[in-house]
Amino acid sequence: MRQRLTFFLLVVGVFCTPSTSAFTADTVVLKNGQRISGTIDPSIDVGPDQVAINTGRGIMRLPKSAIASEDLSFEARKGRLTLGWPLGVAAKA
């Protein structure tokens, strides 16, 4: 009985532990409904009307006109903020 309980708790722990990549990934939703997860990388050389997404398997360059919405990770949102005056007040860049 104790072995079954230990096995059950191990299985639950493995499958119910959230992945850290889920918290650090950006999600782009296209107008056709497709979702692409990765990291939006502004350092990649793309045209002014494109967005580069590093998916971990490669870099996708998408036209901004095909994107319906972006769900940015905490790190991406934090990177787009600058400190305003008075100090401690965040303002959009």
Protein backbone atom coordinates (compact mmCIF):
# COMPACT_ATOMS: atom_id res chain seq x y z
CA MET A 1 0.00 0.00 0.00
CA ARG A 2 2.78 2.41 0.87
CA GLN A 3 4.56 1.71 -2.44
CA ARG A 4 1.41 2.54 -4.39
CA LEU A 5 0.98 5.80 -2.50
CA THR A 6 4.60 6.75 -3.15
CA PHE A 7 4.25 5.93 -6.85
CA PHE A 8 1.01 7.92 -7.09
CA LEU A 9 2.57 10.98 -5.43
CA LEU A 10 5.59 10.74 -7.71
CA VAL A 11 3.40 10.60 -10.84
CA VAL A 12 1.25 13.51 -9.65
CA GLY A 13 4.36 15.55 -8.81
CA VAL A 14 5.93 14.98 -12.22
CA PHE A 15 2.83 15.73 -14.28
CA CYS A 16 1.43 18.57 -12.19
CA THR A 17 4.60 20.60 -11.73
CA PRO A 18 4.41 23.63 -14.02
CA SER A 19 7.17 24.07 -16.51
CA THR A 20 9.36 27.14 -16.06
CA SER A 21 9.33 27.68 -19.82
CA ALA A 22 5.59 28.31 -19.62
CA PHE A 23 6.29 31.34 -17.44
CA THR A 24 9.11 32.72 -19.58
CA ALA A 25 7.66 32.20 -23.05
CA ASP A 26 5.93 34.81 -25.17
CA THR A 27 2.88 33.73 -27.14
CA VAL A 28 1.90 35.28 -30.45
CA VAL A 29 -1.64 34.69 -31.70
CA LEU A 30 -2.04 34.99 -35.45
CA LYS A 31 -5.17 36.25 -37.18
CA ASN A 32 -5.88 32.70 -38.38
CA GLY A 33 -5.98 31.50 -34.74
CA GLN A 34 -2.61 29.74 -34.68
CA ARG A 35 -0.52 30.24 -31.54
CA ILE A 36 3.28 30.41 -31.62
CA SER A 37 5.27 30.20 -28.38
CA GLY A 38 8.82 31.37 -28.03
CA THR A 39 10.74 34.52 -27.23
CA ILE A 40 10.16 37.71 -29.18
CA ASP A 41 13.71 38.84 -29.90
CA PRO A 42 14.16 42.51 -30.88
CA SER A 43 17.91 41.99 -31.42
CA ILE A 44 17.33 39.85 -34.53
CA ASP A 45 17.62 41.77 -37.78
CA VAL A 46 14.16 41.99 -39.35
CA GLY A 47 12.30 44.55 -41.41
CA PRO A 48 10.30 47.36 -39.79
CA ASP A 49 7.02 45.52 -40.44
CA GLN A 50 8.17 42.14 -39.08
CA VAL A 51 8.56 40.40 -35.71
CA ALA A 52 11.19 37.74 -34.96
CA ILE A 53 10.27 34.89 -32.62
CA ASN A 54 12.89 32.45 -31.35
CA THR A 55 10.95 29.20 -30.85
CA GLY A 56 13.89 27.16 -29.59
CA ARG A 57 13.89 25.17 -32.83
CA GLY A 58 14.59 28.16 -35.02
CA ILE A 59 13.69 31.78 -35.68
CA MET A 60 10.39 32.70 -37.28
CA ARG A 61 9.94 36.05 -38.96
CA LEU A 62 6.30 37.07 -39.14
CA PRO A 63 4.71 40.14 -40.69
CA LYS A 64 3.08 42.38 -38.07
CA SER A 65 -0.07 42.43 -40.20
CA ALA A 66 -0.58 38.68 -39.53
CA ILE A 67 -0.46 39.08 -35.72
CA ALA A 68 -3.74 39.44 -33.83
CA SER A 69 -2.25 39.73 -30.32
CA GLU A 70 0.85 39.15 -28.21
CA ASP A 71 0.90 37.64 -24.74
CA LEU A 72 4.27 38.69 -23.34
CA SER A 73 6.09 37.01 -20.48
CA PHE A 74 6.91 38.92 -17.32
CA GLU A 75 10.53 39.37 -18.43
CA ALA A 76 9.48 40.82 -21.81
CA ARG A 77 7.01 43.22 -20.19
CA LYS A 78 9.62 44.27 -17.63
CA GLY A 79 12.12 44.95 -20.43
CA ARG A 80 9.71 47.35 -22.14
CA LEU A 81 9.31 49.54 -19.04
CA THR A 82 11.48 52.47 -18.03
CA LEU A 83 11.54 54.27 -14.74
CA GLY A 84 9.72 57.57 -14.83
CA TRP A 85 9.73 60.48 -12.45
CA PRO A 86 9.43 60.23 -9.47
CA LEU A 87 11.64 57.15 -9.14
CA GLY A 88 9.73 53.94 -8.68
CA VAL A 89 6.91 54.90 -11.02
CA ALA A 90 6.96 52.83 -14.19
CA ALA A 91 6.09 54.43 -17.50
CA LYS A 92 5.76 52.76 -20.89
CA ALA A 93 8.68 53.36 -23.22
